[in-house]
Structure formats: structure tokens, C-alpha cells
Amino acid sequence: MGGVITGFGVIASIIVTGYVLGRRGALGGSGREVLTRLSFNVASPALLFSTLARADLSVVVSTPLLVTALSTFVVAGAFVAVGAVRKWSVGRTTIGALCASYVNAGNLGIPIAVYVLGDASLIAPVLLFQQLVMTPIALTVIDLSRPGEHPPSLVRRLTTPFRNPVVIGSLSGVAVAASGWRVPGPVMEPFTLMGGMAVPAVLLAFGISLPGSELPGRGEERGPVLLSVALKSFGQPVVAWAIAAGVFRLSGPALLAAVVTSALPSAQNLFTYAVRYDTSTILARESILLSTVLAAPVLITVAALLG
């Protein structure tokens, strides 16, 4: 369980640092917004480019990817269905669906894949699927639903994904990987350095947002928060297990890997998206916090049952 403890310890220490900075007002009144904009517009695109440019795209076509994709669509679809019945806004429904299905495959998934599953490459299909499919779809939906003076034209609708920094970084990295070109070290190094700011910036901004907040699950977003957390922490692992074992007949390490990756908590970069688009930031913050707290016992239980 060393990977679980290490991953959660790193995340918690940086969030606590952000909390202290927020309590002291060390970064001023706009510290959170500056950090999230830095991550969204610069650091995250750089990280995605440098990561995907060196990725083995052959891992995309795999059974684990199908399990991940199907479980993601089932869980996200469940949240969207409830949102439609309750007539929640597009922004709230989209952010909530992401919180219910978009796992922390980077700064938590990688160490857990190494220490629990014994192979960091097992998390690669999840990373690629989320960045190449889920992120462009979700951010495009939010972009097109934002109020404006005129309805978006057809050209704007079609080009929306390609004007988003996160999507641009992802697609650029995939294009480089697909071409087989090895980016020279001096050219790649600036992207690597800037990308290194992405995760710490998001976690610090998350911590800064906590002082003065209500306890999770008790505010105005109580319903969507509890629904997204229940789907993420319990629904998605169960659905992944059912699909992996029942549909694809996976067993042993392959089954464990499919369920463990689905049991990871909501990703912190979802908070960045919520702040960037000024929609459902409370929902994102509380869902991430609660699912991260619940992830440790859930992961330990999954490992004990299937390991």
C-alpha cells in the first residue's frame, strides 16, 4: 500500500500549504485565480504536450481502455441523466459528470500504478483517453453553453476545441508522437519545466480556496456533490468490475488494474476548469475533496479483494 500512502501524502501536503497561504493572504486576493489561469493556459498544456509527445500511442487500442471508456460513459451518463431530470445548468451538469468519472490518473494514478500494480504504463490508456476524448468534449460543451450576445456560428462550434489551450497541448503532443519525431532536448526542456508547475499550481489553488468554506456536502451544492462522490467513489469501480469481469472476462492482475484505475478519486484539474469557466467551483472543490478522502479506504479494499 506504499503507493497509496505516498500519493495521498504528496497531495495532502501541497493542499495544506495552499490552505496556509490562503489563511495568511500571502498571495493576495487574486492568488487562486492567477494560479488556475497559469495552470490552464500555460502549465497544463505544456505538461500534456511533453507527456503525450513521448507516449506510446499503441496502448490506446487495448482492452483496459475499453473498460475505462465504458465505465466512464456509464457513470457520467448517470449524472447527466439526473441533471437533466433536475434541470441543472449545462455547466453544473458537465462539471458534475466530470467529477463523477474523471479520475486522478496523473499525480496519484502514476505512483499507485507503480507501487500497487507494479507497472506505470497501465495508467497510460486512462491518461490518453481523458485528455484526448473527455476533456475536449466537456470543455467544448461548456464553451458553447456560455451566455453571449449572439448564438455561436457553425464555424465557432466546429473550431471551439481547437482554441482551448488544454486541447491544443494534448493534440500537439499526439501529433508529435504519431509522427515518430523525437523533439530535441533543448526544444522540449522549456515545455518540461513549465509543465512541472501544473500539478503544484492546481493543488495550491485548491488549498487557497478552502479557508472560510463550508464543510463538504452541506452547502447549496449538496445534492450534486453527494451524487458525484457516490458515483465516483463507489459506482465507477463497481461498473468497471462488472464490465471487466462480466463482458471482457478479465481476471487476476488485469482485473485488478481495471478496477484500481477506476477507483481513483476525481482529478484536481477539474477544479481548474471550473474556476476558468466560473461555473460550479463549489461542486468541483467539494467533490474532489470528498472523493480523495474516500479513495484511500476504497483502494485498499479493492486491492484486498482482487489482489
Protein backbone atom coordinates (compact mmCIF):
# COMPACT_ATOMS: atom_id res chain seq x y z
CA MET A 1 0.00 0.00 0.00
CA GLY A 2 3.05 2.26 -0.19
CA GLY A 3 1.85 3.85 -3.43
CA VAL A 4 -1.50 4.80 -1.95
CA ILE A 5 0.08 6.37 1.14
CA THR A 6 2.79 8.17 -0.86
CA GLY A 7 0.37 9.57 -3.43
CA PHE A 8 -2.11 10.85 -0.87
CA GLY A 9 0.68 12.24 1.32
CA VAL A 10 2.11 14.33 -1.51
CA ILE A 11 -1.30 15.69 -2.48
CA ALA A 12 -2.26 16.49 1.11
CA SER A 13 0.99 18.32 1.88
CA ILE A 14 0.65 20.67 -1.09
CA ILE A 15 -3.05 21.33 -0.42
CA VAL A 16 -2.22 22.15 3.22
CA THR A 17 0.46 24.55 2.01
CA GLY A 18 -2.14 26.27 -0.16
CA TYR A 19 -4.54 26.39 2.77
CA VAL A 20 -1.92 28.14 4.94
CA LEU A 21 -1.19 30.61 2.13
CA GLY A 22 -4.90 31.30 1.81
CA ARG A 23 -5.38 31.83 5.53
CA ARG A 24 -2.47 34.28 5.63
CA GLY A 25 -3.43 36.03 2.40
CA ALA A 26 0.16 35.57 1.27
CA LEU A 27 -0.71 35.66 -2.45
CA GLY A 28 -3.29 38.43 -2.21
CA GLY A 29 -6.94 38.33 -3.12
CA SER A 30 -6.38 37.01 -6.66
CA GLY A 31 -3.82 34.31 -5.86
CA ARG A 32 -6.19 31.44 -6.63
CA GLU A 33 -7.27 32.91 -9.95
CA VAL A 34 -3.69 33.59 -11.04
CA LEU A 35 -2.60 30.05 -10.21
CA THR A 36 -5.55 28.46 -12.00
CA ARG A 37 -5.08 30.65 -15.08
CA LEU A 38 -1.37 29.83 -15.09
CA SER A 39 -2.16 26.12 -14.93
CA PHE A 40 -4.95 26.23 -17.53
CA ASN A 41 -3.27 28.47 -20.10
CA VAL A 42 0.41 27.60 -19.73
CA ALA A 43 1.46 24.80 -17.39
CA SER A 44 -1.17 22.14 -18.17
CA PRO A 45 -0.83 22.48 -21.98
CA ALA A 46 2.96 22.24 -21.60
CA LEU A 47 2.67 19.18 -19.37
CA LEU A 48 0.27 17.44 -21.74
CA PHE A 49 2.42 18.22 -24.75
CA SER A 50 5.65 16.98 -23.16
CA THR A 51 3.92 13.83 -21.81
CA LEU A 52 1.95 12.84 -24.90
CA ALA A 53 4.77 13.68 -27.33
CA ARG A 54 6.75 10.82 -25.77
CA ALA A 55 3.81 8.44 -25.30
CA ASP A 56 3.37 5.06 -26.94
CA LEU A 57 0.06 5.54 -28.73
CA SER A 58 -0.30 1.79 -29.26
CA VAL A 59 -1.57 1.48 -25.67
CA VAL A 60 -4.71 3.34 -26.70
CA VAL A 61 -6.09 0.33 -28.57
CA SER A 62 -6.43 -2.08 -25.66
CA THR A 63 -8.99 -3.87 -23.53
CA PRO A 64 -8.22 -1.73 -20.45
CA LEU A 65 -9.08 1.35 -22.50
CA LEU A 66 -12.45 -0.13 -23.44
CA VAL A 67 -13.20 -0.87 -19.78
CA THR A 68 -12.19 2.68 -18.83
CA ALA A 69 -14.21 4.26 -21.62
CA LEU A 70 -17.36 2.23 -21.00
CA SER A 71 -17.32 2.72 -17.22
CA THR A 72 -16.68 6.43 -17.70
CA PHE A 73 -19.59 6.88 -20.09
CA VAL A 74 -21.94 4.85 -17.87
CA VAL A 75 -21.15 6.86 -14.74
CA ALA A 76 -21.01 10.26 -16.45
CA GLY A 77 -24.23 9.41 -18.26
CA ALA A 78 -25.93 8.63 -14.97
CA PHE A 79 -25.02 12.06 -13.61
CA VAL A 80 -26.14 13.77 -16.82
CA ALA A 81 -29.46 11.93 -16.66
CA VAL A 82 -30.10 13.13 -13.12
CA GLY A 83 -29.02 16.64 -14.11
CA ALA A 84 -31.49 16.64 -16.99
CA VAL A 85 -34.35 15.49 -14.76
CA ARG A 86 -33.48 18.07 -12.09
CA LYS A 87 -32.95 20.74 -14.78
CA TRP A 88 -29.46 21.68 -13.62
CA SER A 89 -27.48 24.08 -15.79
CA VAL A 90 -25.19 22.77 -18.52
CA GLY A 91 -22.11 23.97 -16.64
CA ARG A 92 -23.13 22.32 -13.37
CA THR A 93 -24.09 19.08 -15.11
CA THR A 94 -20.86 18.95 -17.10
CA ILE A 95 -18.59 19.67 -14.14
CA GLY A 96 -20.53 17.19 -12.00
CA ALA A 97 -20.31 14.48 -14.67
CA LEU A 98 -16.55 15.03 -14.87
CA CYS A 99 -16.21 14.84 -11.07
CA ALA A 100 -18.15 11.56 -11.16
CA SER A 101 -15.98 9.91 -13.82
CA TYR A 102 -12.68 11.75 -14.50
CA VAL A 103 -10.00 10.07 -12.38
CA ASN A 104 -6.79 11.47 -10.93
CA ALA A 105 -4.58 9.46 -13.27
CA GLY A 106 -1.55 11.76 -13.08
CA ASN A 107 -0.13 12.75 -9.74
CA LEU A 108 -1.98 9.96 -7.85
CA GLY A 109 -2.57 7.34 -10.53
CA ILE A 110 1.08 7.02 -11.54
CA PRO A 111 2.50 6.24 -8.06
CA ILE A 112 -0.37 3.84 -7.36
CA ALA A 113 0.22 2.12 -10.69
CA VAL A 114 3.89 1.71 -9.80
CA TYR A 115 3.54 0.54 -6.20
CA VAL A 116 0.21 -1.30 -6.27
CA LEU A 117 0.02 -2.62 -9.83
CA GLY A 118 3.76 -2.80 -10.49
CA ASP A 119 3.61 -1.11 -13.91
CA ALA A 120 3.30 2.64 -14.55
CA SER A 121 2.31 2.04 -18.19
CA LEU A 122 -1.06 0.67 -17.04
CA ILE A 123 -2.24 4.21 -16.34
CA ALA A 124 -1.29 5.47 -19.80
CA PRO A 125 -4.54 4.48 -21.57
CA VAL A 126 -6.55 6.33 -18.93
CA LEU A 127 -4.43 9.47 -19.29
CA LEU A 128 -4.72 9.44 -23.06
CA PHE A 129 -8.45 8.73 -23.09
CA GLN A 130 -9.21 11.53 -20.65
CA GLN A 131 -7.07 14.10 -22.42
CA LEU A 132 -7.97 13.18 -25.99
CA VAL A 133 -11.67 12.38 -25.58
CA MET A 134 -13.21 13.52 -22.30
CA THR A 135 -11.51 16.90 -21.95
CA PRO A 136 -12.23 18.18 -25.48
CA ILE A 137 -15.87 17.08 -25.32
CA ALA A 138 -16.52 18.54 -21.86
CA LEU A 139 -14.77 21.85 -22.43
CA THR A 140 -16.44 22.28 -25.81
CA VAL A 141 -19.86 21.73 -24.21
CA ILE A 142 -19.08 24.33 -21.54
CA ASP A 143 -17.67 26.76 -24.11
CA LEU A 144 -20.74 26.54 -26.32
CA SER A 145 -23.16 26.86 -23.40
CA ARG A 146 -21.73 30.10 -22.08
CA PRO A 147 -24.04 33.09 -22.48
CA GLY A 148 -23.19 35.51 -25.26
CA GLU A 149 -24.74 38.24 -27.32
CA HIS A 150 -25.18 36.04 -30.37
CA PRO A 151 -25.58 32.28 -30.83
CA PRO A 152 -22.25 30.71 -31.85
CA SER A 153 -21.82 30.25 -35.58
CA LEU A 154 -21.22 26.86 -37.17
CA VAL A 155 -17.54 27.73 -37.66
CA ARG A 156 -17.22 28.66 -33.99
CA ARG A 157 -18.91 25.42 -32.92
CA LEU A 158 -16.56 23.34 -35.07
CA THR A 159 -13.40 25.16 -34.06
CA THR A 160 -14.10 25.56 -30.33
CA PRO A 161 -11.99 22.55 -29.24
CA PHE A 162 -9.01 23.79 -31.25
CA ARG A 163 -8.96 27.15 -29.47
CA ASN A 164 -8.70 25.65 -25.99
CA PRO A 165 -5.12 25.65 -24.56
CA VAL A 166 -5.52 22.27 -22.86
CA VAL A 167 -6.83 20.61 -26.01
CA ILE A 168 -4.17 22.28 -28.15
CA GLY A 169 -1.42 20.94 -25.89
CA SER A 170 -2.88 17.43 -25.99
CA LEU A 171 -3.41 17.30 -29.75
CA SER A 172 0.02 18.76 -30.43
CA GLY A 173 1.65 16.09 -28.28
CA VAL A 174 -0.29 13.32 -30.02
CA ALA A 175 0.68 14.70 -33.44
CA VAL A 176 4.36 14.61 -32.48
CA ALA A 177 4.07 11.07 -31.07
CA ALA A 178 2.22 9.85 -34.17
CA SER A 179 4.86 11.33 -36.47
CA GLY A 180 7.64 9.46 -34.69
CA TRP A 181 9.69 12.65 -34.39
CA ARG A 182 11.89 12.93 -31.32
CA VAL A 183 11.77 16.53 -30.14
CA PRO A 184 15.34 17.72 -29.44
CA GLY A 185 16.17 18.13 -25.76
CA PRO A 186 16.75 21.90 -25.86
CA VAL A 187 13.34 22.36 -27.53
CA MET A 188 11.47 20.06 -25.15
CA GLU A 189 13.10 21.32 -21.95
CA PRO A 190 11.07 24.57 -21.68
CA PHE A 191 7.84 22.55 -22.02
CA THR A 192 9.03 20.13 -19.34
CA LEU A 193 9.92 22.96 -16.95
CA MET A 194 6.64 24.80 -17.48
CA GLY A 195 4.68 21.56 -17.25
CA GLY A 196 6.22 20.92 -13.86
CA MET A 197 4.18 23.82 -12.49
CA ALA A 198 0.82 22.33 -13.48
CA VAL A 199 0.06 19.95 -10.62
CA PRO A 200 1.51 22.10 -7.79
CA ALA A 201 -0.32 25.18 -9.08
CA VAL A 202 -3.66 23.35 -9.14
CA LEU A 203 -3.17 21.86 -5.67
CA LEU A 204 -2.07 25.19 -4.18
CA ALA A 205 -5.07 26.97 -5.73
CA PHE A 206 -7.30 24.22 -4.35
CA GLY A 207 -5.87 24.72 -0.86
CA ILE A 208 -6.22 28.51 -1.08
CA SER A 209 -9.94 28.08 -1.83
CA LEU A 210 -10.61 26.12 1.38
CA PRO A 211 -10.39 28.80 4.15
CA GLY A 212 -13.87 30.01 5.04
CA SER A 213 -15.59 27.25 3.08
CA GLU A 214 -18.45 25.20 4.49
CA LEU A 215 -17.89 21.56 5.34
CA PRO A 216 -18.16 19.47 2.13
CA GLY A 217 -21.62 18.24 1.24
CA ARG A 218 -23.53 20.70 3.41
CA GLY A 219 -23.87 23.76 1.20
CA GLU A 220 -26.04 24.73 -1.74
CA GLU A 221 -24.40 22.09 -3.95
CA ARG A 222 -25.11 19.27 -1.51
CA GLY A 223 -27.17 17.16 -3.92
CA PRO A 224 -24.81 17.28 -6.92
CA VAL A 225 -21.76 16.84 -4.66
CA LEU A 226 -23.09 13.73 -2.92
CA LEU A 227 -24.25 12.26 -6.23
CA SER A 228 -20.90 12.83 -7.96
CA VAL A 229 -18.94 11.45 -4.99
CA ALA A 230 -21.13 8.36 -4.73
CA LEU A 231 -20.75 7.67 -8.45
CA LYS A 232 -17.01 8.31 -8.42
CA SER A 233 -16.03 6.51 -5.24
CA PHE A 234 -18.39 3.52 -5.42
CA GLY A 235 -20.29 3.49 -8.70
CA GLN A 236 -17.38 3.65 -11.13
CA PRO A 237 -15.29 0.88 -9.51
CA VAL A 238 -18.33 -1.42 -9.41
CA VAL A 239 -19.24 -0.66 -13.03
CA ALA A 240 -15.61 -1.20 -14.11
CA TRP A 241 -15.51 -4.53 -12.28
CA ALA A 242 -18.78 -5.64 -13.90
CA ILE A 243 -17.61 -4.70 -17.39
CA ALA A 244 -14.09 -6.11 -16.98
CA ALA A 245 -15.16 -9.40 -15.41
CA GLY A 246 -18.57 -9.88 -17.00
CA VAL A 247 -18.04 -8.56 -20.54
CA PHE A 248 -14.31 -8.98 -21.21
CA ARG A 249 -13.73 -11.92 -18.83
CA LEU A 250 -10.69 -10.31 -17.27
CA SER A 251 -9.22 -11.83 -14.12
CA GLY A 252 -6.14 -11.59 -11.93
CA PRO A 253 -3.81 -8.60 -12.43
CA ALA A 254 -5.73 -7.33 -15.47
CA LEU A 255 -8.99 -7.17 -13.49
CA LEU A 256 -7.24 -5.53 -10.54
CA ALA A 257 -5.70 -2.88 -12.79
CA ALA A 258 -9.05 -2.05 -14.41
CA VAL A 259 -10.83 -1.62 -11.08
CA VAL A 260 -7.99 0.21 -9.29
CA THR A 261 -7.71 2.85 -12.02
CA SER A 262 -11.48 3.37 -11.93
CA ALA A 263 -11.41 3.73 -8.12
CA LEU A 264 -9.03 6.71 -8.23
CA PRO A 265 -10.57 9.97 -6.96
CA SER A 266 -11.66 12.94 -9.06
CA ALA A 267 -8.77 14.79 -10.70
CA GLN A 268 -7.66 18.15 -9.27
CA ASN A 269 -7.52 19.77 -12.70
CA LEU A 270 -11.33 19.69 -12.77
CA PHE A 271 -11.21 22.49 -10.22
CA THR A 272 -9.09 24.45 -12.68
CA TYR A 273 -11.72 24.01 -15.38
CA ALA A 274 -14.50 25.09 -13.02
CA VAL A 275 -12.63 28.23 -11.96
CA ARG A 276 -11.58 29.03 -15.51
CA TYR A 277 -15.18 28.96 -16.74
CA ASP A 278 -16.60 30.36 -13.48
CA THR A 279 -19.07 27.52 -13.12
CA SER A 280 -19.76 25.15 -10.20
CA THR A 281 -16.48 25.77 -8.39
CA ILE A 282 -18.01 24.64 -5.08
CA LEU A 283 -19.24 21.42 -6.69
CA ALA A 284 -15.78 20.73 -8.12
CA ARG A 285 -13.89 21.58 -4.93
CA GLU A 286 -16.10 19.54 -2.60
CA SER A 287 -16.37 16.56 -4.94
CA ILE A 288 -12.61 16.39 -5.35
CA LEU A 289 -12.01 16.71 -1.62
CA LEU A 290 -14.54 14.07 -0.57
CA SER A 291 -13.62 11.57 -3.30
CA THR A 292 -9.93 11.95 -2.42
CA VAL A 293 -10.65 11.26 1.27
CA LEU A 294 -12.73 8.19 0.38
CA ALA A 295 -10.27 6.89 -2.22
CA ALA A 296 -7.75 5.51 0.29
CA PRO A 297 -10.13 3.03 2.00
CA VAL A 298 -11.76 2.18 -1.33
CA LEU A 299 -8.42 1.43 -2.99
CA ILE A 300 -7.23 -0.63 -0.03
CA THR A 301 -10.48 -2.64 -0.13
CA VAL A 302 -10.21 -3.23 -3.88
CA ALA A 303 -6.59 -4.36 -3.55
CA ALA A 304 -7.52 -6.71 -0.69
CA LEU A 305 -10.45 -8.26 -2.58
CA LEU A 306 -8.87 -8.59 -6.02
CA GLY A 307 -5.14 -8.60 -5.29
